[in-house]
């Protein structure tokens, strides 16, 4: 049974480190959330390390610039690990390719220094995907013909962002994971290293151990996130307790008309996905 919390401080004596999601928990892509940022800063100051664990397809150095621009205080986190960081290892193992690149120009830092050759689809050995080229207007259906052709050639897809949707301001936009999902329904193979997959958790736990000076037992690490299929499922697979934030991408399903956490709705949402969360809050707070 998921326990509703009034504040993160209720767990200060129970856990030593946090692995916190970014989009939907501390910002929405347009602005940072003051209360959640303060909660993480208080944890870091009084309890232990806060490792941000993001499905951004860009390397962590690029995401740090984004966080600064959104006003997320440096005091709110100790380290950052992105899906882009761990996906670079997958891409490096296939260099020089050649590869077909699918995604917006802003994700170009993912490929820096890897020595990949980018070619048209009919000459590629695999697809390197970060998401739709224009996620403001495009949907996975815009890529059905391209992905059908790729699946017919049995090209593997390396997808750098397993998220299917992400919150941007007051709307949801499609991400790489939605393209990977469609590709798999067409008979293609998608390979991912971000949440909910193990590589990003291994890197994040290693970072937490580095910060603490010793490995933290998994029973003393709390994961925080708003995505049932990524944050919650990934934490479940790694044996980590998880705090579900209902104000993110599942807000319409997990909160009542008054905007407050609906305990019964949360239980239904998690059960439908075969997932479980130890705790839940509407918005992260101290």
C-alpha atoms as a PDB file:
ATOM      1  CA  UNK A   1       0.000   0.000   0.000  1.00  0.00           C
ATOM      2  CA  UNK A   2       1.383   3.398  -0.980  1.00  0.00           C
ATOM      3  CA  UNK A   3       1.794   5.804   1.920  1.00  0.00           C
ATOM      4  CA  UNK A   4       0.922   9.467   1.338  1.00  0.00           C
ATOM      5  CA  UNK A   5       3.528  11.911   2.624  1.00  0.00           C
ATOM      6  CA  UNK A   6       3.242  15.504   3.712  1.00  0.00           C
ATOM      7  CA  UNK A   7       6.942  16.166   3.200  1.00  0.00           C
ATOM      8  CA  UNK A   8      10.284  14.619   2.327  1.00  0.00           C
ATOM      9  CA  UNK A   9      11.466  15.393   5.853  1.00  0.00           C
ATOM     10  CA  UNK A  10       9.320  12.471   7.057  1.00  0.00           C
ATOM     11  CA  UNK A  11      11.909  10.161   5.479  1.00  0.00           C
ATOM     12  CA  UNK A  12      15.080  11.912   6.615  1.00  0.00           C
ATOM     13  CA  UNK A  13      15.959   9.138   9.051  1.00  0.00           C
ATOM     14  CA  UNK A  14      15.008   6.309   6.714  1.00  0.00           C
ATOM     15  CA  UNK A  15      17.238   6.955   3.680  1.00  0.00           C
ATOM     16  CA  UNK A  16      20.748   8.249   3.086  1.00  0.00           C
ATOM     17  CA  UNK A  17      20.669   9.218  -0.604  1.00  0.00           C
ATOM     18  CA  UNK A  18      18.176  10.304  -3.238  1.00  0.00           C
ATOM     19  CA  UNK A  19      17.963   9.534  -6.959  1.00  0.00           C
ATOM     20  CA  UNK A  20      15.575  12.200  -8.198  1.00  0.00           C
ATOM     21  CA  UNK A  21      13.950  12.580 -11.583  1.00  0.00           C
ATOM     22  CA  UNK A  22      14.140  16.030 -13.153  1.00  0.00           C
ATOM     23  CA  UNK A  23      11.359  16.799 -15.669  1.00  0.00           C
ATOM     24  CA  UNK A  24       7.994  16.811 -13.901  1.00  0.00           C
ATOM     25  CA  UNK A  25       9.559  16.845 -10.439  1.00  0.00           C
ATOM     26  CA  UNK A  26      11.752  19.969 -10.243  1.00  0.00           C
ATOM     27  CA  UNK A  27      10.868  21.698 -13.533  1.00  0.00           C
ATOM     28  CA  UNK A  28       8.466  21.439 -16.463  1.00  0.00           C
ATOM     29  CA  UNK A  29      10.820  22.437 -19.260  1.00  0.00           C
ATOM     30  CA  UNK A  30       9.867  26.090 -19.012  1.00  0.00           C
ATOM     31  CA  UNK A  31      10.270  26.948 -15.329  1.00  0.00           C
ATOM     32  CA  UNK A  32      11.665  25.417 -12.166  1.00  0.00           C
ATOM     33  CA  UNK A  33       9.517  24.535  -9.156  1.00  0.00           C
ATOM     34  CA  UNK A  34      10.620  26.412  -6.043  1.00  0.00           C
ATOM     35  CA  UNK A  35       9.164  24.025  -3.445  1.00  0.00           C
ATOM     36  CA  UNK A  36      10.650  20.821  -4.866  1.00  0.00           C
ATOM     37  CA  UNK A  37      14.021  22.480  -5.410  1.00  0.00           C
ATOM     38  CA  UNK A  38      14.008  23.650  -1.799  1.00  0.00           C
ATOM     39  CA  UNK A  39      13.118  20.135  -0.623  1.00  0.00           C
ATOM     40  CA  UNK A  40      16.101  18.622  -2.436  1.00  0.00           C
ATOM     41  CA  UNK A  41      18.379  21.379  -1.160  1.00  0.00           C
ATOM     42  CA  UNK A  42      17.255  20.721   2.420  1.00  0.00           C
ATOM     43  CA  UNK A  43      17.870  16.997   1.987  1.00  0.00           C
ATOM     44  CA  UNK A  44      21.328  17.581   0.590  1.00  0.00           C
ATOM     45  CA  UNK A  45      22.163  19.980   3.423  1.00  0.00           C
ATOM     46  CA  UNK A  46      20.872  17.845   6.283  1.00  0.00           C
ATOM     47  CA  UNK A  47      20.870  14.209   5.120  1.00  0.00           C
ATOM     48  CA  UNK A  48      22.993  13.203   2.144  1.00  0.00           C
ATOM     49  CA  UNK A  49      23.643  13.313  -1.597  1.00  0.00           C
ATOM     50  CA  UNK A  50      21.026  14.072  -4.216  1.00  0.00           C
ATOM     51  CA  UNK A  51      21.760  12.525  -7.608  1.00  0.00           C
ATOM     52  CA  UNK A  52      19.544  13.813 -10.397  1.00  0.00           C
ATOM     53  CA  UNK A  53      18.731  10.996 -12.822  1.00  0.00           C
ATOM     54  CA  UNK A  54      17.346  12.264 -16.109  1.00  0.00           C
ATOM     55  CA  UNK A  55      16.231  10.676 -19.362  1.00  0.00           C
ATOM     56  CA  UNK A  56      17.538  13.663 -21.291  1.00  0.00           C
ATOM     57  CA  UNK A  57      19.309  12.412 -24.428  1.00  0.00           C
ATOM     58  CA  UNK A  58      22.092  14.954 -23.956  1.00  0.00           C
ATOM     59  CA  UNK A  59      25.266  14.594 -21.862  1.00  0.00           C
ATOM     60  CA  UNK A  60      25.013  15.867 -18.291  1.00  0.00           C
ATOM     61  CA  UNK A  61      27.180  18.940 -18.945  1.00  0.00           C
ATOM     62  CA  UNK A  62      24.594  20.187 -21.443  1.00  0.00           C
ATOM     63  CA  UNK A  63      21.691  19.536 -19.052  1.00  0.00           C
ATOM     64  CA  UNK A  64      23.433  21.443 -16.266  1.00  0.00           C
ATOM     65  CA  UNK A  65      23.363  24.509 -18.512  1.00  0.00           C
ATOM     66  CA  UNK A  66      19.638  23.951 -19.037  1.00  0.00           C
ATOM     67  CA  UNK A  67      19.007  23.608 -15.290  1.00  0.00           C
ATOM     68  CA  UNK A  68      20.878  26.835 -14.607  1.00  0.00           C
ATOM     69  CA  UNK A  69      18.786  28.581 -17.259  1.00  0.00           C
ATOM     70  CA  UNK A  70      15.571  27.353 -15.672  1.00  0.00           C
ATOM     71  CA  UNK A  71      16.642  28.610 -12.254  1.00  0.00           C
ATOM     72  CA  UNK A  72      17.235  25.240 -10.586  1.00  0.00           C
ATOM     73  CA  UNK A  73      19.691  26.108  -7.785  1.00  0.00           C
ATOM     74  CA  UNK A  74      22.984  24.224  -7.687  1.00  0.00           C
ATOM     75  CA  UNK A  75      22.297  23.624  -3.982  1.00  0.00           C
ATOM     76  CA  UNK A  76      19.411  21.322  -4.944  1.00  0.00           C
ATOM     77  CA  UNK A  77      21.626  18.574  -6.327  1.00  0.00           C
ATOM     78  CA  UNK A  78      24.988  16.914  -5.808  1.00  0.00           C
ATOM     79  CA  UNK A  79      25.459  15.209  -9.180  1.00  0.00           C
ATOM     80  CA  UNK A  80      23.609  14.547 -12.434  1.00  0.00           C
ATOM     81  CA  UNK A  81      23.460  11.420 -14.595  1.00  0.00           C
ATOM     82  CA  UNK A  82      21.582  11.457 -17.894  1.00  0.00           C
ATOM     83  CA  UNK A  83      20.377   8.887 -20.350  1.00  0.00           C
ATOM     84  CA  UNK A  84      22.647  10.659 -22.813  1.00  0.00           C
ATOM     85  CA  UNK A  85      25.670   9.850 -20.633  1.00  0.00           C
ATOM     86  CA  UNK A  86      25.000   6.118 -20.598  1.00  0.00           C
ATOM     87  CA  UNK A  87      23.793   5.984 -24.220  1.00  0.00           C
ATOM     88  CA  UNK A  88      27.142   7.343 -25.412  1.00  0.00           C
ATOM     89  CA  UNK A  89      28.661   4.029 -24.335  1.00  0.00           C
ATOM     90  CA  UNK A  90      26.203   2.139 -26.570  1.00  0.00           C
ATOM     91  CA  UNK A  91      26.911   4.447 -29.499  1.00  0.00           C
ATOM     92  CA  UNK A  92      30.682   4.313 -29.064  1.00  0.00           C
ATOM     93  CA  UNK A  93      30.514   0.532 -29.310  1.00  0.00           C
ATOM     94  CA  UNK A  94      28.950   0.856 -32.782  1.00  0.00           C
ATOM     95  CA  UNK A  95      31.183   3.634 -34.129  1.00  0.00           C
ATOM     96  CA  UNK A  96      31.740   4.630 -36.860  1.00  0.00           C
ATOM     97  CA  UNK A  97      28.406   3.123 -37.879  1.00  0.00           C
ATOM     98  CA  UNK A  98      27.321   4.373 -40.301  1.00  0.00           C
ATOM     99  CA  UNK A  99      24.169   5.580 -38.580  1.00  0.00           C
ATOM    100  CA  UNK A 100      20.913   7.280 -39.485  1.00  0.00           C
ATOM    101  CA  UNK A 101      20.370  10.165 -37.082  1.00  0.00           C
ATOM    102  CA  UNK A 102      16.819  10.864 -35.929  1.00  0.00           C
ATOM    103  CA  UNK A 103      16.213  13.844 -33.671  1.00  0.00           C
ATOM    104  CA  UNK A 104      16.497  17.628 -33.320  1.00  0.00           C
ATOM    105  CA  UNK A 105      19.735  19.542 -33.800  1.00  0.00           C
ATOM    106  CA  UNK A 106      19.788  20.521 -30.108  1.00  0.00           C
ATOM    107  CA  UNK A 107      20.709  16.926 -29.274  1.00  0.00           C
ATOM    108  CA  UNK A 108      23.926  17.055 -31.337  1.00  0.00           C
ATOM    109  CA  UNK A 109      26.168  17.080 -28.195  1.00  0.00           C
ATOM    110  CA  UNK A 110      25.192  13.433 -27.636  1.00  0.00           C
ATOM    111  CA  UNK A 111      27.435  12.475 -30.552  1.00  0.00           C
ATOM    112  CA  UNK A 112      30.406  14.757 -29.913  1.00  0.00           C
ATOM    113  CA  UNK A 113      33.722  12.950 -30.171  1.00  0.00           C
ATOM    114  CA  UNK A 114      32.246   9.521 -30.919  1.00  0.00           C
ATOM    115  CA  UNK A 115      33.382   9.418 -34.543  1.00  0.00           C
ATOM    116  CA  UNK A 116      30.012   8.359 -35.945  1.00  0.00           C
ATOM    117  CA  UNK A 117      29.286   8.722 -39.649  1.00  0.00           C
ATOM    118  CA  UNK A 118      25.710   9.827 -40.399  1.00  0.00           C
ATOM    119  CA  UNK A 119      24.168   8.667 -43.657  1.00  0.00           C
ATOM    120  CA  UNK A 120      20.733   8.305 -45.318  1.00  0.00           C
ATOM    121  CA  UNK A 121      18.550   5.517 -43.998  1.00  0.00           C
ATOM    122  CA  UNK A 122      19.207   3.165 -46.918  1.00  0.00           C
ATOM    123  CA  UNK A 123      22.957   3.213 -46.186  1.00  0.00           C
ATOM    124  CA  UNK A 124      22.769   2.978 -42.377  1.00  0.00           C
ATOM    125  CA  UNK A 125      23.627   0.062 -40.117  1.00  0.00           C
ATOM    126  CA  UNK A 126      21.578   1.398 -37.211  1.00  0.00           C
ATOM    127  CA  UNK A 127      19.345   4.296 -36.133  1.00  0.00           C
ATOM    128  CA  UNK A 128      20.518   6.781 -33.489  1.00  0.00           C
ATOM    129  CA  UNK A 129      17.319   8.281 -32.072  1.00  0.00           C
ATOM    130  CA  UNK A 130      16.834  11.079 -29.569  1.00  0.00           C
ATOM    131  CA  UNK A 131      13.204  11.926 -30.407  1.00  0.00           C
ATOM    132  CA  UNK A 132      11.047  13.678 -33.009  1.00  0.00           C
ATOM    133  CA  UNK A 133      12.766  16.386 -35.023  1.00  0.00           C
ATOM    134  CA  UNK A 134      10.047  18.898 -34.061  1.00  0.00           C
ATOM    135  CA  UNK A 135       8.340  17.709 -30.891  1.00  0.00           C
ATOM    136  CA  UNK A 136       6.141  20.802 -30.754  1.00  0.00           C
ATOM    137  CA  UNK A 137       4.003  19.468 -33.594  1.00  0.00           C
ATOM    138  CA  UNK A 138       5.085  15.954 -34.549  1.00  0.00           C
ATOM    139  CA  UNK A 139       3.721  12.640 -33.297  1.00  0.00           C
ATOM    140  CA  UNK A 140       5.080   9.098 -33.746  1.00  0.00           C
ATOM    141  CA  UNK A 141       2.689   8.623 -36.661  1.00  0.00           C
ATOM    142  CA  UNK A 142       4.719  11.149 -38.644  1.00  0.00           C
ATOM    143  CA  UNK A 143       7.536   8.574 -38.595  1.00  0.00           C
ATOM    144  CA  UNK A 144       5.570   5.414 -39.385  1.00  0.00           C
ATOM    145  CA  UNK A 145       6.741   5.171 -43.007  1.00  0.00           C
ATOM    146  CA  UNK A 146      10.382   5.792 -42.115  1.00  0.00           C
ATOM    147  CA  UNK A 147      10.327   3.310 -39.247  1.00  0.00           C
ATOM    148  CA  UNK A 148       8.523   0.715 -41.365  1.00  0.00           C
ATOM    149  CA  UNK A 149      11.338   0.938 -43.915  1.00  0.00           C
ATOM    150  CA  UNK A 150      13.958   0.654 -41.176  1.00  0.00           C
ATOM    151  CA  UNK A 151      12.247  -2.363 -39.622  1.00  0.00           C
ATOM    152  CA  UNK A 152      12.164  -4.073 -43.021  1.00  0.00           C
ATOM    153  CA  UNK A 153      15.969  -3.792 -43.064  1.00  0.00           C
ATOM    154  CA  UNK A 154      16.204  -5.012 -39.437  1.00  0.00           C
ATOM    155  CA  UNK A 155      18.140  -1.929 -38.360  1.00  0.00           C
ATOM    156  CA  UNK A 156      18.551  -1.749 -34.582  1.00  0.00           C
ATOM    157  CA  UNK A 157      17.556   1.550 -32.963  1.00  0.00           C
ATOM    158  CA  UNK A 158      19.675   3.050 -30.191  1.00  0.00           C
ATOM    159  CA  UNK A 159      17.196   5.315 -28.400  1.00  0.00           C
ATOM    160  CA  UNK A 160      18.762   7.908 -26.104  1.00  0.00           C
ATOM    161  CA  UNK A 161      15.530   8.921 -24.350  1.00  0.00           C
ATOM    162  CA  UNK A 162      13.158   6.144 -23.206  1.00  0.00           C
ATOM    163  CA  UNK A 163      10.512   8.667 -22.095  1.00  0.00           C
ATOM    164  CA  UNK A 164       7.390   8.440 -24.231  1.00  0.00           C
ATOM    165  CA  UNK A 165       6.134  11.898 -23.250  1.00  0.00           C
ATOM    166  CA  UNK A 166       7.425  14.742 -21.146  1.00  0.00           C
ATOM    167  CA  UNK A 167       5.755  17.759 -19.588  1.00  0.00           C
ATOM    168  CA  UNK A 168       6.594  21.054 -21.275  1.00  0.00           C
ATOM    169  CA  UNK A 169       4.815  23.905 -19.604  1.00  0.00           C
ATOM    170  CA  UNK A 170       1.156  22.915 -19.413  1.00  0.00           C
ATOM    171  CA  UNK A 171       1.254  20.301 -22.197  1.00  0.00           C
ATOM    172  CA  UNK A 172       2.807  16.938 -22.982  1.00  0.00           C
ATOM    173  CA  UNK A 173       5.116  16.398 -25.956  1.00  0.00           C
ATOM    174  CA  UNK A 174       6.364  13.153 -27.484  1.00  0.00           C
ATOM    175  CA  UNK A 175       9.871  11.860 -26.800  1.00  0.00           C
ATOM    176  CA  UNK A 176      12.189   9.207 -28.186  1.00  0.00           C
ATOM    177  CA  UNK A 177      10.551   6.415 -26.239  1.00  0.00           C
ATOM    178  CA  UNK A 178       7.325   6.900 -28.181  1.00  0.00           C
ATOM    179  CA  UNK A 179       9.230   6.390 -31.436  1.00  0.00           C
ATOM    180  CA  UNK A 180      10.970   3.325 -29.987  1.00  0.00           C
ATOM    181  CA  UNK A 181       7.598   1.902 -28.924  1.00  0.00           C
ATOM    182  CA  UNK A 182       6.183   2.337 -32.425  1.00  0.00           C
ATOM    183  CA  UNK A 183       9.336   0.842 -33.933  1.00  0.00           C
ATOM    184  CA  UNK A 184       8.969  -2.283 -31.820  1.00  0.00           C
ATOM    185  CA  UNK A 185       5.323  -2.708 -32.868  1.00  0.00           C
ATOM    186  CA  UNK A 186       6.562  -2.623 -36.480  1.00  0.00           C
ATOM    187  CA  UNK A 187       8.995  -5.457 -35.769  1.00  0.00           C
ATOM    188  CA  UNK A 188      12.083  -3.352 -35.073  1.00  0.00           C
ATOM    189  CA  UNK A 189      14.487  -3.684 -32.154  1.00  0.00           C
ATOM    190  CA  UNK A 190      15.054  -0.743 -29.787  1.00  0.00           C
ATOM    191  CA  UNK A 191      18.002  -0.648 -27.371  1.00  0.00           C
ATOM    192  CA  UNK A 192      17.963   1.797 -24.455  1.00  0.00           C
ATOM    193  CA  UNK A 193      20.119   2.591 -21.426  1.00  0.00           C
ATOM    194  CA  UNK A 194      18.094   5.283 -19.621  1.00  0.00           C
ATOM    195  CA  UNK A 195      15.248   4.757 -17.165  1.00  0.00           C
ATOM    196  CA  UNK A 196      13.806   2.158 -16.611  1.00  0.00           C
ATOM    197  CA  UNK A 197      16.887   0.225 -17.779  1.00  0.00           C
ATOM    198  CA  UNK A 198      19.764  -0.859 -15.551  1.00  0.00           C
ATOM    199  CA  UNK A 199      22.735   1.114 -16.976  1.00  0.00           C
ATOM    200  CA  UNK A 200      21.535   4.523 -15.785  1.00  0.00           C
ATOM    201  CA  UNK A 201      20.880   3.173 -12.288  1.00  0.00           C
ATOM    202  CA  UNK A 202      24.317   1.577 -12.100  1.00  0.00           C
ATOM    203  CA  UNK A 203      25.901   4.904 -13.061  1.00  0.00           C
ATOM    204  CA  UNK A 204      23.730   6.871 -10.608  1.00  0.00           C
ATOM    205  CA  UNK A 205      24.406   4.546  -7.678  1.00  0.00           C
ATOM    206  CA  UNK A 206      28.125   4.670  -8.464  1.00  0.00           C
ATOM    207  CA  UNK A 207      27.939   8.458  -8.372  1.00  0.00           C
ATOM    208  CA  UNK A 208      26.102   8.362  -5.030  1.00  0.00           C
ATOM    209  CA  UNK A 209      28.789   6.041  -3.640  1.00  0.00           C
ATOM    210  CA  UNK A 210      31.513   8.392  -4.855  1.00  0.00           C
ATOM    211  CA  UNK A 211      29.835  11.325  -3.109  1.00  0.00           C
ATOM    212  CA  UNK A 212      29.271   9.390   0.127  1.00  0.00           C
ATOM    213  CA  UNK A 213      32.727   7.835   0.164  1.00  0.00           C
ATOM    214  CA  UNK A 214      31.272   4.321   0.234  1.00  0.00           C
ATOM    215  CA  UNK A 215      28.442   2.393  -1.467  1.00  0.00           C
ATOM    216  CA  UNK A 216      25.007   3.108  -0.022  1.00  0.00           C
ATOM    217  CA  UNK A 217      22.893  -0.045   0.504  1.00  0.00           C
ATOM    218  CA  UNK A 218      19.971  -0.087  -1.915  1.00  0.00           C
ATOM    219  CA  UNK A 219      17.603  -0.218   1.038  1.00  0.00           C
ATOM    220  CA  UNK A 220      18.881   3.215   2.077  1.00  0.00           C
ATOM    221  CA  UNK A 221      18.406   4.838  -1.363  1.00  0.00           C
ATOM    222  CA  UNK A 222      15.110   6.477  -2.316  1.00  0.00           C
ATOM    223  CA  UNK A 223      14.151   7.096  -5.940  1.00  0.00           C
ATOM    224  CA  UNK A 224      11.782   9.963  -6.781  1.00  0.00           C
ATOM    225  CA  UNK A 225       9.852  10.335 -10.027  1.00  0.00           C
ATOM    226  CA  UNK A 226       6.598  10.985 -11.835  1.00  0.00           C
ATOM    227  CA  UNK A 227       6.759   8.480 -14.711  1.00  0.00           C
ATOM    228  CA  UNK A 228       5.194   5.110 -13.924  1.00  0.00           C
ATOM    229  CA  UNK A 229       6.757   3.335 -16.896  1.00  0.00           C
ATOM    230  CA  UNK A 230      10.217   4.823 -16.388  1.00  0.00           C
ATOM    231  CA  UNK A 231      10.880   6.203 -12.890  1.00  0.00           C
ATOM    232  CA  UNK A 232       8.665   3.817 -10.947  1.00  0.00           C
ATOM    233  CA  UNK A 233       9.276   0.703 -13.046  1.00  0.00           C
ATOM    234  CA  UNK A 234      13.023   1.348 -13.092  1.00  0.00           C
ATOM    235  CA  UNK A 235      13.246   1.778  -9.329  1.00  0.00           C
ATOM    236  CA  UNK A 236      11.141  -1.352  -8.825  1.00  0.00           C
ATOM    237  CA  UNK A 237      13.487  -3.374 -11.041  1.00  0.00           C
ATOM    238  CA  UNK A 238      16.505  -2.196  -9.055  1.00  0.00           C
ATOM    239  CA  UNK A 239      14.926  -2.989  -5.691  1.00  0.00           C
ATOM    240  CA  UNK A 240      14.765   0.676  -4.684  1.00  0.00           C
ATOM    241  CA  UNK A 241      11.963   2.252  -2.695  1.00  0.00           C
ATOM    242  CA  UNK A 242      10.283   4.979  -4.685  1.00  0.00           C
ATOM    243  CA  UNK A 243       8.366   8.179  -4.033  1.00  0.00           C
ATOM    244  CA  UNK A 244       5.776   8.822  -6.745  1.00  0.00           C
ATOM    245  CA  UNK A 245       5.119  12.477  -7.621  1.00  0.00           C
ATOM    246  CA  UNK A 246       1.565  12.784  -8.892  1.00  0.00           C
ATOM    247  CA  UNK A 247       1.834  16.309 -10.286  1.00  0.00           C
ATOM    248  CA  UNK A 248       3.890  15.193 -13.304  1.00  0.00           C
ATOM    249  CA  UNK A 249       2.845  13.448 -16.494  1.00  0.00           C
ATOM    250  CA  UNK A 250       0.139  11.396 -14.740  1.00  0.00           C
ATOM    251  CA  UNK A 251      -1.419  14.388 -13.001  1.00  0.00           C
ATOM    252  CA  UNK A 252      -4.797  13.976 -14.687  1.00  0.00           C
ATOM    253  CA  UNK A 253      -4.977  10.355 -13.533  1.00  0.00           C
ATOM    254  CA  UNK A 254      -3.532  10.633 -10.033  1.00  0.00           C
ATOM    255  CA  UNK A 255      -5.097  13.801  -8.655  1.00  0.00           C
ATOM    256  CA  UNK A 256      -8.661  14.750  -7.910  1.00  0.00           C
ATOM    257  CA  UNK A 257     -10.605  17.738  -9.326  1.00  0.00           C
ATOM    258  CA  UNK A 258      -9.236  19.843  -6.468  1.00  0.00           C
ATOM    259  CA  UNK A 259      -5.646  19.124  -7.563  1.00  0.00           C
ATOM    260  CA  UNK A 260      -4.896  17.074  -4.466  1.00  0.00           C
ATOM    261  CA  UNK A 261      -3.458  13.594  -4.388  1.00  0.00           C
ATOM    262  CA  UNK A 262      -6.131  10.919  -4.853  1.00  0.00           C
ATOM    263  CA  UNK A 263      -4.878   7.836  -2.990  1.00  0.00           C
ATOM    264  CA  UNK A 264      -7.278   5.441  -4.692  1.00  0.00           C
ATOM    265  CA  UNK A 265      -6.429   6.818  -8.143  1.00  0.00           C
ATOM    266  CA  UNK A 266      -2.721   6.390  -7.451  1.00  0.00           C
ATOM    267  CA  UNK A 267      -3.237   2.769  -6.460  1.00  0.00           C
ATOM    268  CA  UNK A 268      -5.215   2.101  -9.640  1.00  0.00           C
ATOM    269  CA  UNK A 269      -2.603   3.792 -11.797  1.00  0.00           C
ATOM    270  CA  UNK A 270       0.266   1.805 -10.312  1.00  0.00           C
ATOM    271  CA  UNK A 271      -1.610  -1.490 -10.284  1.00  0.00           C
ATOM    272  CA  UNK A 272      -2.548  -1.131 -13.958  1.00  0.00           C
ATOM    273  CA  UNK A 273       1.162  -0.905 -14.793  1.00  0.00           C
ATOM    274  CA  UNK A 274       2.197  -3.697 -12.449  1.00  0.00           C
ATOM    275  CA  UNK A 275       4.239  -1.148 -10.481  1.00  0.00           C
ATOM    276  CA  UNK A 276       4.393  -0.151  -6.832  1.00  0.00           C
ATOM    277  CA  UNK A 277       5.532   2.883  -4.864  1.00  0.00           C
ATOM    278  CA  UNK A 278       6.325   3.048  -1.193  1.00  0.00           C
ATOM    279  CA  UNK A 279       5.240   6.680  -0.987  1.00  0.00           C
ATOM    280  CA  UNK A 280       3.339   9.322  -2.918  1.00  0.00           C
ATOM    281  CA  UNK A 281       2.993  13.100  -2.881  1.00  0.00           C
ATOM    282  CA  UNK A 282       1.216  15.525  -5.172  1.00  0.00           C
ATOM    283  CA  UNK A 283       4.247  17.819  -5.411  1.00  0.00           C
ATOM    284  CA  UNK A 284       7.641  17.281  -3.810  1.00  0.00           C
ATOM    285  CA  UNK A 285       7.978  19.322  -0.616  1.00  0.00           C
ATOM    286  CA  UNK A 286      10.173  19.340   2.451  1.00  0.00           C
END
